[in-house]
């Protein structure tokens, strides 16, 4: 038995939800341990905007439905100094739709 692997990931059979690009370490809790999963960053061409997703995943593989924290879509880099042209606005809209679909898929797990 490889104890280093067991200590590094106590739940090796629990896969991150589809689209998750990063996972935090497992946190102990009752009724079961959990971790935060982060989705793929989506950007807007020639702009600092970034759309990202996150969710809480339980050790049984399910994603929290909002009991602790529902899956979220985050938009970073929004301020009045960086207006969008019409192409960038469409790109942001597409990124938001993709991110919303991603968290909907996680919640259905």
PDB file of N, CA and C in Angstrom:
ATOM      1  N   UNK A   1       0.833  -1.183   0.000  1.00  0.00           N
ATOM      2  CA  UNK A   1       0.000   0.000   0.000  1.00  0.00           C
ATOM      3  C   UNK A   1       0.878   1.246   0.000  1.00  0.00           C
ATOM      4  N   UNK A   2       0.568   2.177  -0.845  1.00  0.00           N
ATOM      5  CA  UNK A   2       1.327   3.417  -0.948  1.00  0.00           C
ATOM      6  C   UNK A   2       0.712   4.446  -0.001  1.00  0.00           C
ATOM      7  N   UNK A   3       1.287   4.581   1.204  1.00  0.00           N
ATOM      8  CA  UNK A   3       0.696   5.469   2.212  1.00  0.00           C
ATOM      9  C   UNK A   3       0.822   6.936   1.837  1.00  0.00           C
ATOM     10  N   UNK A   4       1.836   7.309   1.059  1.00  0.00           N
ATOM     11  CA  UNK A   4       1.975   8.705   0.642  1.00  0.00           C
ATOM     12  C   UNK A   4       0.778   9.133  -0.199  1.00  0.00           C
ATOM     13  N   UNK A   5       0.378   8.301  -1.150  1.00  0.00           N
ATOM     14  CA  UNK A   5      -0.782   8.612  -1.981  1.00  0.00           C
ATOM     15  C   UNK A   5      -2.047   8.656  -1.134  1.00  0.00           C
ATOM     16  N   UNK A   6      -2.202   7.721  -0.205  1.00  0.00           N
ATOM     17  CA  UNK A   6      -3.384   7.686   0.645  1.00  0.00           C
ATOM     18  C   UNK A   6      -3.495   8.949   1.481  1.00  0.00           C
ATOM     19  N   UNK A   7      -2.383   9.446   1.998  1.00  0.00           N
ATOM     20  CA  UNK A   7      -2.418  10.657   2.807  1.00  0.00           C
ATOM     21  C   UNK A   7      -2.656  11.885   1.938  1.00  0.00           C
ATOM     22  N   UNK A   8      -2.114  11.917   0.738  1.00  0.00           N
ATOM     23  CA  UNK A   8      -2.267  13.074  -0.134  1.00  0.00           C
ATOM     24  C   UNK A   8      -3.697  13.203  -0.630  1.00  0.00           C
ATOM     25  N   UNK A   9      -4.346  12.091  -0.928  1.00  0.00           N
ATOM     26  CA  UNK A   9      -5.728  12.104  -1.391  1.00  0.00           C
ATOM     27  C   UNK A   9      -6.458  10.946  -0.721  1.00  0.00           C
ATOM     28  N   UNK A  10      -7.176  11.234   0.363  1.00  0.00           N
ATOM     29  CA  UNK A  10      -7.845  10.158   1.081  1.00  0.00           C
ATOM     30  C   UNK A  10      -9.048   9.575   0.329  1.00  0.00           C
ATOM     31  N   UNK A  11      -9.449  10.192  -0.788  1.00  0.00           N
ATOM     32  CA  UNK A  11     -10.601   9.729  -1.569  1.00  0.00           C
ATOM     33  C   UNK A  11     -10.217   9.602  -3.043  1.00  0.00           C
ATOM     34  N   UNK A  12      -9.293   8.687  -3.365  1.00  0.00           N
ATOM     35  CA  UNK A  12      -8.786   8.604  -4.742  1.00  0.00           C
ATOM     36  C   UNK A  12      -9.851   8.214  -5.765  1.00  0.00           C
ATOM     37  N   UNK A  13     -10.949   7.605  -5.336  1.00  0.00           N
ATOM     38  CA  UNK A  13     -11.991   7.201  -6.279  1.00  0.00           C
ATOM     39  C   UNK A  13     -13.011   8.303  -6.547  1.00  0.00           C
ATOM     40  N   UNK A  14     -12.882   9.435  -5.875  1.00  0.00           N
ATOM     41  CA  UNK A  14     -13.798  10.563  -6.091  1.00  0.00           C
ATOM     42  C   UNK A  14     -13.168  11.486  -7.124  1.00  0.00           C
ATOM     43  N   UNK A  15     -13.769  11.491  -8.295  1.00  0.00           N
ATOM     44  CA  UNK A  15     -13.255  12.325  -9.379  1.00  0.00           C
ATOM     45  C   UNK A  15     -13.881  13.702  -9.321  1.00  0.00           C
ATOM     46  N   UNK A  16     -13.123  14.688  -9.733  1.00  0.00           N
ATOM     47  CA  UNK A  16     -13.653  16.047  -9.810  1.00  0.00           C
ATOM     48  C   UNK A  16     -14.744  16.090 -10.876  1.00  0.00           C
ATOM     49  N   UNK A  17     -15.717  16.970 -10.734  1.00  0.00           N
ATOM     50  CA  UNK A  17     -16.758  17.098 -11.752  1.00  0.00           C
ATOM     51  C   UNK A  17     -16.161  17.466 -13.112  1.00  0.00           C
ATOM     52  N   UNK A  18     -16.860  17.105 -14.170  1.00  0.00           N
ATOM     53  CA  UNK A  18     -16.402  17.421 -15.531  1.00  0.00           C
ATOM     54  C   UNK A  18     -16.189  18.923 -15.659  1.00  0.00           C
ATOM     55  N   UNK A  19     -15.062  19.300 -16.229  1.00  0.00           N
ATOM     56  CA  UNK A  19     -14.755  20.710 -16.430  1.00  0.00           C
ATOM     57  C   UNK A  19     -13.959  21.339 -15.306  1.00  0.00           C
ATOM     58  N   UNK A  20     -13.841  20.649 -14.183  1.00  0.00           N
ATOM     59  CA  UNK A  20     -13.049  21.194 -13.079  1.00  0.00           C
ATOM     60  C   UNK A  20     -11.575  21.182 -13.471  1.00  0.00           C
ATOM     61  N   UNK A  21     -10.917  22.289 -13.253  1.00  0.00           N
ATOM     62  CA  UNK A  21      -9.498  22.394 -13.610  1.00  0.00           C
ATOM     63  C   UNK A  21      -8.589  22.364 -12.396  1.00  0.00           C
ATOM     64  N   UNK A  22      -9.161  22.656 -11.238  1.00  0.00           N
ATOM     65  CA  UNK A  22      -8.362  22.664 -10.018  1.00  0.00           C
ATOM     66  C   UNK A  22      -9.248  22.224  -8.863  1.00  0.00           C
ATOM     67  N   UNK A  23      -8.669  21.497  -7.932  1.00  0.00           N
ATOM     68  CA  UNK A  23      -9.386  21.082  -6.728  1.00  0.00           C
ATOM     69  C   UNK A  23      -8.542  21.446  -5.514  1.00  0.00           C
ATOM     70  N   UNK A  24      -9.210  21.908  -4.473  1.00  0.00           N
ATOM     71  CA  UNK A  24      -8.529  22.185  -3.214  1.00  0.00           C
ATOM     72  C   UNK A  24      -8.403  20.889  -2.419  1.00  0.00           C
ATOM     73  N   UNK A  25      -7.707  20.955  -1.315  1.00  0.00           N
ATOM     74  CA  UNK A  25      -7.546  19.786  -0.455  1.00  0.00           C
ATOM     75  C   UNK A  25      -8.858  19.471   0.254  1.00  0.00           C
ATOM     76  N   UNK A  26      -9.026  18.219   0.605  1.00  0.00           N
ATOM     77  CA  UNK A  26     -10.211  17.788   1.345  1.00  0.00           C
ATOM     78  C   UNK A  26     -10.207  18.419   2.721  1.00  0.00           C
ATOM     79  N   UNK A  27     -11.389  18.842   3.160  1.00  0.00           N
ATOM     80  CA  UNK A  27     -11.571  19.426   4.479  1.00  0.00           C
ATOM     81  C   UNK A  27     -12.459  18.500   5.308  1.00  0.00           C
ATOM     82  N   UNK A  28     -12.078  18.246   6.563  1.00  0.00           N
ATOM     83  CA  UNK A  28     -12.914  17.377   7.397  1.00  0.00           C
ATOM     84  C   UNK A  28     -14.201  18.103   7.775  1.00  0.00           C
ATOM     85  N   UNK A  29     -15.293  17.382   7.837  1.00  0.00           N
ATOM     86  CA  UNK A  29     -16.566  17.979   8.227  1.00  0.00           C
ATOM     87  C   UNK A  29     -17.551  16.880   8.570  1.00  0.00           C
ATOM     88  N   UNK A  30     -18.641  17.260   9.193  1.00  0.00           N
ATOM     89  CA  UNK A  30     -19.711  16.333   9.503  1.00  0.00           C
ATOM     90  C   UNK A  30     -20.947  16.839   8.773  1.00  0.00           C
ATOM     91  N   UNK A  31     -21.578  16.125   7.912  1.00  0.00           N
ATOM     92  CA  UNK A  31     -21.614  14.680   7.874  1.00  0.00           C
ATOM     93  C   UNK A  31     -20.517  14.038   7.027  1.00  0.00           C
ATOM     94  N   UNK A  32     -19.824  14.806   6.163  1.00  0.00           N
ATOM     95  CA  UNK A  32     -18.749  14.196   5.380  1.00  0.00           C
ATOM     96  C   UNK A  32     -17.756  15.261   4.932  1.00  0.00           C
ATOM     97  N   UNK A  33     -16.530  14.852   4.607  1.00  0.00           N
ATOM     98  CA  UNK A  33     -15.525  15.788   4.125  1.00  0.00           C
ATOM     99  C   UNK A  33     -15.947  16.422   2.794  1.00  0.00           C
ATOM    100  N   UNK A  34     -15.308  17.558   2.475  1.00  0.00           N
ATOM    101  CA  UNK A  34     -15.628  18.302   1.256  1.00  0.00           C
ATOM    102  C   UNK A  34     -14.373  18.978   0.717  1.00  0.00           C
ATOM    103  N   UNK A  35     -14.465  19.426  -0.524  1.00  0.00           N
ATOM    104  CA  UNK A  35     -13.392  20.215  -1.130  1.00  0.00           C
ATOM    105  C   UNK A  35     -14.035  21.204  -2.099  1.00  0.00           C
ATOM    106  N   UNK A  36     -13.297  22.251  -2.416  1.00  0.00           N
ATOM    107  CA  UNK A  36     -13.750  23.227  -3.408  1.00  0.00           C
ATOM    108  C   UNK A  36     -13.156  22.833  -4.748  1.00  0.00           C
ATOM    109  N   UNK A  37     -13.989  22.870  -5.783  1.00  0.00           N
ATOM    110  CA  UNK A  37     -13.515  22.638  -7.145  1.00  0.00           C
ATOM    111  C   UNK A  37     -13.681  23.934  -7.927  1.00  0.00           C
ATOM    112  N   UNK A  38     -12.710  24.202  -8.773  1.00  0.00           N
ATOM    113  CA  UNK A  38     -12.687  25.425  -9.574  1.00  0.00           C
ATOM    114  C   UNK A  38     -12.691  25.030 -11.047  1.00  0.00           C
ATOM    115  N   UNK A  39     -13.513  25.697 -11.833  1.00  0.00           N
ATOM    116  CA  UNK A  39     -13.599  25.410 -13.259  1.00  0.00           C
ATOM    117  C   UNK A  39     -12.589  26.188 -14.079  1.00  0.00           C
ATOM    118  N   UNK A  40     -12.676  25.992 -15.363  1.00  0.00           N
ATOM    119  CA  UNK A  40     -11.800  26.626 -16.345  1.00  0.00           C
ATOM    120  C   UNK A  40     -12.057  28.134 -16.386  1.00  0.00           C
ATOM    121  N   UNK A  41     -10.985  28.939 -16.408  1.00  0.00           N
ATOM    122  CA  UNK A  41     -11.130  30.387 -16.595  1.00  0.00           C
ATOM    123  C   UNK A  41     -11.444  30.681 -18.046  1.00  0.00           C
ATOM    124  N   UNK A  42     -12.430  31.509 -18.249  1.00  0.00           N
ATOM    125  CA  UNK A  42     -12.787  31.972 -19.592  1.00  0.00           C
ATOM    126  C   UNK A  42     -12.458  33.459 -19.651  1.00  0.00           C
ATOM    127  N   UNK A  43     -11.795  33.873 -20.692  1.00  0.00           N
ATOM    128  CA  UNK A  43     -11.385  35.265 -20.802  1.00  0.00           C
ATOM    129  C   UNK A  43     -12.049  35.930 -21.993  1.00  0.00           C
ATOM    130  N   UNK A  44     -11.926  37.247 -22.020  1.00  0.00           N
ATOM    131  CA  UNK A  44     -12.438  38.056 -23.122  1.00  0.00           C
ATOM    132  C   UNK A  44     -11.234  38.658 -23.827  1.00  0.00           C
ATOM    133  N   UNK A  45     -11.192  38.546 -25.135  1.00  0.00           N
ATOM    134  CA  UNK A  45     -10.068  39.019 -25.931  1.00  0.00           C
ATOM    135  C   UNK A  45      -9.775  40.492 -25.660  1.00  0.00           C
ATOM    136  N   UNK A  46      -8.502  40.795 -25.417  1.00  0.00           N
ATOM    137  CA  UNK A  46      -8.027  42.164 -25.187  1.00  0.00           C
ATOM    138  C   UNK A  46      -8.751  42.866 -24.042  1.00  0.00           C
ATOM    139  N   UNK A  47      -9.096  42.116 -23.019  1.00  0.00           N
ATOM    140  CA  UNK A  47      -9.763  42.695 -21.847  1.00  0.00           C
ATOM    141  C   UNK A  47      -9.332  41.916 -20.617  1.00  0.00           C
ATOM    142  N   UNK A  48      -9.450  42.527 -19.457  1.00  0.00           N
ATOM    143  CA  UNK A  48      -9.048  41.851 -18.223  1.00  0.00           C
ATOM    144  C   UNK A  48     -10.161  41.010 -17.612  1.00  0.00           C
ATOM    145  N   UNK A  49     -11.326  40.991 -18.220  1.00  0.00           N
ATOM    146  CA  UNK A  49     -12.427  40.180 -17.702  1.00  0.00           C
ATOM    147  C   UNK A  49     -12.070  38.701 -17.683  1.00  0.00           C
ATOM    148  N   UNK A  50     -12.550  38.027 -16.634  1.00  0.00           N
ATOM    149  CA  UNK A  50     -12.339  36.587 -16.505  1.00  0.00           C
ATOM    150  C   UNK A  50     -13.588  35.999 -15.854  1.00  0.00           C
ATOM    151  N   UNK A  51     -14.105  34.930 -16.428  1.00  0.00           N
ATOM    152  CA  UNK A  51     -15.264  34.229 -15.894  1.00  0.00           C
ATOM    153  C   UNK A  51     -14.781  32.887 -15.355  1.00  0.00           C
ATOM    154  N   UNK A  52     -15.177  32.572 -14.120  1.00  0.00           N
ATOM    155  CA  UNK A  52     -14.739  31.336 -13.498  1.00  0.00           C
ATOM    156  C   UNK A  52     -15.911  30.701 -12.746  1.00  0.00           C
ATOM    157  N   UNK A  53     -15.771  29.428 -12.422  1.00  0.00           N
ATOM    158  CA  UNK A  53     -16.805  28.699 -11.697  1.00  0.00           C
ATOM    159  C   UNK A  53     -16.202  28.025 -10.479  1.00  0.00           C
ATOM    160  N   UNK A  54     -17.047  27.758  -9.494  1.00  0.00           N
ATOM    161  CA  UNK A  54     -16.599  26.995  -8.331  1.00  0.00           C
ATOM    162  C   UNK A  54     -17.792  26.283  -7.703  1.00  0.00           C
ATOM    163  N   UNK A  55     -17.474  25.238  -6.948  1.00  0.00           N
ATOM    164  CA  UNK A  55     -18.505  24.483  -6.246  1.00  0.00           C
ATOM    165  C   UNK A  55     -17.869  23.725  -5.095  1.00  0.00           C
ATOM    166  N   UNK A  56     -18.701  23.301  -4.168  1.00  0.00           N
ATOM    167  CA  UNK A  56     -18.282  22.438  -3.070  1.00  0.00           C
ATOM    168  C   UNK A  56     -18.642  21.005  -3.457  1.00  0.00           C
ATOM    169  N   UNK A  57     -17.639  20.119  -3.415  1.00  0.00           N
ATOM    170  CA  UNK A  57     -17.865  18.709  -3.710  1.00  0.00           C
ATOM    171  C   UNK A  57     -17.687  17.900  -2.431  1.00  0.00           C
ATOM    172  N   UNK A  58     -18.641  17.006  -2.179  1.00  0.00           N
ATOM    173  CA  UNK A  58     -18.604  16.141  -1.007  1.00  0.00           C
ATOM    174  C   UNK A  58     -17.796  14.872  -1.302  1.00  0.00           C
ATOM    175  N   UNK A  59     -17.364  14.209  -0.266  1.00  0.00           N
ATOM    176  CA  UNK A  59     -16.547  12.997  -0.409  1.00  0.00           C
ATOM    177  C   UNK A  59     -17.292  11.861  -1.083  1.00  0.00           C
ATOM    178  N   UNK A  60     -18.616  11.929  -1.162  1.00  0.00           N
ATOM    179  CA  UNK A  60     -19.365  10.892  -1.887  1.00  0.00           C
ATOM    180  C   UNK A  60     -19.443  11.195  -3.382  1.00  0.00           C
ATOM    181  N   UNK A  61     -18.797  12.297  -3.812  1.00  0.00           N
ATOM    182  CA  UNK A  61     -18.760  12.666  -5.224  1.00  0.00           C
ATOM    183  C   UNK A  61     -19.824  13.663  -5.625  1.00  0.00           C
ATOM    184  N   UNK A  62     -20.831  13.868  -4.791  1.00  0.00           N
ATOM    185  CA  UNK A  62     -21.893  14.814  -5.138  1.00  0.00           C
ATOM    186  C   UNK A  62     -21.415  16.253  -4.955  1.00  0.00           C
ATOM    187  N   UNK A  63     -22.117  17.170  -5.590  1.00  0.00           N
ATOM    188  CA  UNK A  63     -21.826  18.598  -5.475  1.00  0.00           C
ATOM    189  C   UNK A  63     -22.914  19.227  -4.626  1.00  0.00           C
ATOM    190  N   UNK A  64     -22.518  20.083  -3.712  1.00  0.00           N
ATOM    191  CA  UNK A  64     -23.470  20.712  -2.804  1.00  0.00           C
ATOM    192  C   UNK A  64     -24.544  21.466  -3.575  1.00  0.00           C
ATOM    193  N   UNK A  65     -25.776  21.303  -3.140  1.00  0.00           N
ATOM    194  CA  UNK A  65     -26.923  21.903  -3.813  1.00  0.00           C
ATOM    195  C   UNK A  65     -27.273  23.285  -3.281  1.00  0.00           C
ATOM    196  N   UNK A  66     -26.473  23.790  -2.375  1.00  0.00           N
ATOM    197  CA  UNK A  66     -26.749  25.077  -1.770  1.00  0.00           C
ATOM    198  C   UNK A  66     -26.925  24.984  -0.270  1.00  0.00           C
ATOM    199  N   UNK A  67     -26.870  23.785   0.271  1.00  0.00           N
ATOM    200  CA  UNK A  67     -26.960  23.619   1.714  1.00  0.00           C
ATOM    201  C   UNK A  67     -25.815  24.370   2.396  1.00  0.00           C
ATOM    202  N   UNK A  68     -24.622  24.253   1.849  1.00  0.00           N
ATOM    203  CA  UNK A  68     -23.459  24.990   2.345  1.00  0.00           C
ATOM    204  C   UNK A  68     -23.163  26.150   1.389  1.00  0.00           C
ATOM    205  N   UNK A  69     -22.925  25.816   0.130  1.00  0.00           N
ATOM    206  CA  UNK A  69     -22.668  26.835  -0.893  1.00  0.00           C
ATOM    207  C   UNK A  69     -22.972  26.242  -2.256  1.00  0.00           C
ATOM    208  N   UNK A  70     -23.940  26.801  -2.918  1.00  0.00           N
ATOM    209  CA  UNK A  70     -24.317  26.337  -4.251  1.00  0.00           C
ATOM    210  C   UNK A  70     -23.199  26.636  -5.240  1.00  0.00           C
ATOM    211  N   UNK A  71     -23.149  25.910  -6.354  1.00  0.00           N
ATOM    212  CA  UNK A  71     -22.173  26.240  -7.403  1.00  0.00           C
ATOM    213  C   UNK A  71     -22.357  27.688  -7.867  1.00  0.00           C
ATOM    214  N   UNK A  72     -21.244  28.346  -8.160  1.00  0.00           N
ATOM    215  CA  UNK A  72     -21.274  29.757  -8.527  1.00  0.00           C
ATOM    216  C   UNK A  72     -20.516  30.040  -9.821  1.00  0.00           C
ATOM    217  N   UNK A  73     -20.923  31.123 -10.469  1.00  0.00           N
ATOM    218  CA  UNK A  73     -20.196  31.706 -11.591  1.00  0.00           C
ATOM    219  C   UNK A  73     -19.673  33.053 -11.107  1.00  0.00           C
ATOM    220  N   UNK A  74     -18.394  33.272 -11.286  1.00  0.00           N
ATOM    221  CA  UNK A  74     -17.757  34.525 -10.873  1.00  0.00           C
ATOM    222  C   UNK A  74     -17.287  35.281 -12.104  1.00  0.00           C
ATOM    223  N   UNK A  75     -17.422  36.605 -12.054  1.00  0.00           N
ATOM    224  CA  UNK A  75     -16.880  37.468 -13.105  1.00  0.00           C
ATOM    225  C   UNK A  75     -15.882  38.397 -12.429  1.00  0.00           C
ATOM    226  N   UNK A  76     -14.633  38.311 -12.847  1.00  0.00           N
ATOM    227  CA  UNK A  76     -13.565  39.139 -12.290  1.00  0.00           C
ATOM    228  C   UNK A  76     -13.138  40.187 -13.313  1.00  0.00           C
ATOM    229  N   UNK A  77     -12.722  41.348 -12.825  1.00  0.00           N
ATOM    230  CA  UNK A  77     -12.190  42.388 -13.693  1.00  0.00           C
ATOM    231  C   UNK A  77     -13.232  43.334 -14.244  1.00  0.00           C
ATOM    232  N   UNK A  78     -14.395  43.391 -13.610  1.00  0.00           N
ATOM    233  CA  UNK A  78     -15.454  44.281 -14.073  1.00  0.00           C
ATOM    234  C   UNK A  78     -15.295  45.636 -13.389  1.00  0.00           C
ATOM    235  N   UNK A  79     -15.172  46.672 -14.175  1.00  0.00           N
ATOM    236  CA  UNK A  79     -15.200  48.031 -13.641  1.00  0.00           C
ATOM    237  C   UNK A  79     -15.541  48.997 -14.768  1.00  0.00           C
ATOM    238  N   UNK A  80     -15.755  50.238 -14.435  1.00  0.00           N
ATOM    239  CA  UNK A  80     -16.187  51.207 -15.439  1.00  0.00           C
ATOM    240  C   UNK A  80     -15.056  51.709 -16.330  1.00  0.00           C
ATOM    241  N   UNK A  81     -13.803  51.379 -16.014  1.00  0.00           N
ATOM    242  CA  UNK A  81     -12.689  51.863 -16.825  1.00  0.00           C
ATOM    243  C   UNK A  81     -12.402  50.969 -18.019  1.00  0.00           C
ATOM    244  N   UNK A  82     -13.096  49.866 -18.129  1.00  0.00           N
ATOM    245  CA  UNK A  82     -12.822  48.938 -19.217  1.00  0.00           C
ATOM    246  C   UNK A  82     -14.069  48.557 -19.977  1.00  0.00           C
ATOM    247  N   UNK A  83     -14.659  49.486 -20.733  1.00  0.00           N
ATOM    248  CA  UNK A  83     -15.868  49.133 -21.482  1.00  0.00           C
ATOM    249  C   UNK A  83     -15.578  48.054 -22.526  1.00  0.00           C
ATOM    250  N   UNK A  84     -16.619  47.355 -22.937  1.00  0.00           N
ATOM    251  CA  UNK A  84     -16.510  46.292 -23.927  1.00  0.00           C
ATOM    252  C   UNK A  84     -17.012  46.784 -25.274  1.00  0.00           C
ATOM    253  N   UNK A  85     -16.331  46.353 -26.334  1.00  0.00           N
ATOM    254  CA  UNK A  85     -16.915  46.592 -27.656  1.00  0.00           C
ATOM    255  C   UNK A  85     -17.940  45.479 -27.899  1.00  0.00           C
ATOM    256  N   UNK A  86     -18.653  45.534 -28.999  1.00  0.00           N
ATOM    257  CA  UNK A  86     -19.734  44.565 -29.234  1.00  0.00           C
ATOM    258  C   UNK A  86     -19.207  43.131 -29.346  1.00  0.00           C
ATOM    259  N   UNK A  87     -18.033  42.946 -29.968  1.00  0.00           N
ATOM    260  CA  UNK A  87     -17.458  41.598 -30.054  1.00  0.00           C
ATOM    261  C   UNK A  87     -17.109  41.064 -28.671  1.00  0.00           C
ATOM    262  N   UNK A  88     -16.526  41.919 -27.830  1.00  0.00           N
ATOM    263  CA  UNK A  88     -16.166  41.502 -26.482  1.00  0.00           C
ATOM    264  C   UNK A  88     -17.421  41.199 -25.656  1.00  0.00           C
ATOM    265  N   UNK A  89     -18.464  41.987 -25.846  1.00  0.00           N
ATOM    266  CA  UNK A  89     -19.714  41.746 -25.127  1.00  0.00           C
ATOM    267  C   UNK A  89     -20.294  40.381 -25.512  1.00  0.00           C
ATOM    268  N   UNK A  90     -20.243  40.046 -26.790  1.00  0.00           N
ATOM    269  CA  UNK A  90     -20.720  38.728 -27.232  1.00  0.00           C
ATOM    270  C   UNK A  90     -19.849  37.612 -26.649  1.00  0.00           C
ATOM    271  N   UNK A  91     -18.562  37.850 -26.616  1.00  0.00           N
ATOM    272  CA  UNK A  91     -17.642  36.854 -26.060  1.00  0.00           C
ATOM    273  C   UNK A  91     -17.918  36.645 -24.567  1.00  0.00           C
ATOM    274  N   UNK A  92     -18.157  37.742 -23.843  1.00  0.00           N
ATOM    275  CA  UNK A  92     -18.504  37.628 -22.426  1.00  0.00           C
ATOM    276  C   UNK A  92     -19.821  36.874 -22.256  1.00  0.00           C
ATOM    277  N   UNK A  93     -20.815  37.195 -23.072  1.00  0.00           N
ATOM    278  CA  UNK A  93     -22.108  36.512 -22.989  1.00  0.00           C
ATOM    279  C   UNK A  93     -21.945  35.011 -23.224  1.00  0.00           C
ATOM    280  N   UNK A  94     -21.146  34.640 -24.220  1.00  0.00           N
ATOM    281  CA  UNK A  94     -20.910  33.219 -24.505  1.00  0.00           C
ATOM    282  C   UNK A  94     -20.196  32.547 -23.335  1.00  0.00           C
ATOM    283  N   UNK A  95     -19.227  33.230 -22.748  1.00  0.00           N
ATOM    284  CA  UNK A  95     -18.498  32.682 -21.597  1.00  0.00           C
ATOM    285  C   UNK A  95     -19.425  32.482 -20.409  1.00  0.00           C
ATOM    286  N   UNK A  96     -20.324  33.427 -20.186  1.00  0.00           N
ATOM    287  CA  UNK A  96     -21.276  33.301 -19.079  1.00  0.00           C
ATOM    288  C   UNK A  96     -22.221  32.126 -19.295  1.00  0.00           C
ATOM    289  N   UNK A  97     -22.682  31.945 -20.523  1.00  0.00           N
ATOM    290  CA  UNK A  97     -23.559  30.808 -20.822  1.00  0.00           C
ATOM    291  C   UNK A  97     -22.832  29.482 -20.620  1.00  0.00           C
ATOM    292  N   UNK A  98     -21.575  29.410 -21.055  1.00  0.00           N
ATOM    293  CA  UNK A  98     -20.787  28.193 -20.860  1.00  0.00           C
ATOM    294  C   UNK A  98     -20.575  27.909 -19.372  1.00  0.00           C
ATOM    295  N   UNK A  99     -20.260  28.957 -18.619  1.00  0.00           N
ATOM    296  CA  UNK A  99     -20.033  28.789 -17.184  1.00  0.00           C
ATOM    297  C   UNK A  99     -21.318  28.365 -16.477  1.00  0.00           C
ATOM    298  N   UNK A 100     -22.442  28.948 -16.859  1.00  0.00           N
ATOM    299  CA  UNK A 100     -23.728  28.567 -16.257  1.00  0.00           C
ATOM    300  C   UNK A 100     -24.049  27.109 -16.548  1.00  0.00           C
ATOM    301  N   UNK A 101     -23.798  26.674 -17.763  1.00  0.00           N
ATOM    302  CA  UNK A 101     -24.036  25.269 -18.121  1.00  0.00           C
ATOM    303  C   UNK A 101     -23.116  24.347 -17.319  1.00  0.00           C
ATOM    304  N   UNK A 102     -21.884  24.784 -17.109  1.00  0.00           N
ATOM    305  CA  UNK A 102     -20.936  23.977 -16.339  1.00  0.00           C
ATOM    306  C   UNK A 102     -21.438  23.770 -14.905  1.00  0.00           C
ATOM    307  N   UNK A 103     -21.833  24.846 -14.218  1.00  0.00           N
ATOM    308  CA  UNK A 103     -22.287  24.686 -12.837  1.00  0.00           C
ATOM    309  C   UNK A 103     -23.636  23.945 -12.770  1.00  0.00           C
ATOM    310  N   UNK A 104     -24.479  24.114 -13.788  1.00  0.00           N
ATOM    311  CA  UNK A 104     -25.718  23.325 -13.822  1.00  0.00           C
ATOM    312  C   UNK A 104     -25.403  21.839 -13.917  1.00  0.00           C
ATOM    313  N   UNK A 105     -24.403  21.505 -14.723  1.00  0.00           N
ATOM    314  CA  UNK A 105     -23.993  20.102 -14.850  1.00  0.00           C
ATOM    315  C   UNK A 105     -23.404  19.563 -13.553  1.00  0.00           C
ATOM    316  N   UNK A 106     -22.658  20.399 -12.842  1.00  0.00           N
ATOM    317  CA  UNK A 106     -22.090  19.971 -11.564  1.00  0.00           C
ATOM    318  C   UNK A 106     -23.214  19.719 -10.567  1.00  0.00           C
ATOM    319  N   UNK A 107     -24.189  20.598 -10.522  1.00  0.00           N
ATOM    320  CA  UNK A 107     -25.275  20.496  -9.540  1.00  0.00           C
ATOM    321  C   UNK A 107     -26.113  19.251  -9.783  1.00  0.00           C
ATOM    322  N   UNK A 108     -26.174  18.798 -11.016  1.00  0.00           N
ATOM    323  CA  UNK A 108     -26.973  17.619 -11.364  1.00  0.00           C
ATOM    324  C   UNK A 108     -26.308  16.319 -10.948  1.00  0.00           C
ATOM    325  N   UNK A 109     -25.025  16.382 -10.594  1.00  0.00           N
ATOM    326  CA  UNK A 109     -24.275  15.183 -10.214  1.00  0.00           C
ATOM    327  C   UNK A 109     -24.797  14.566  -8.977  1.00  0.00           C
TER     328      UNK A 109
END
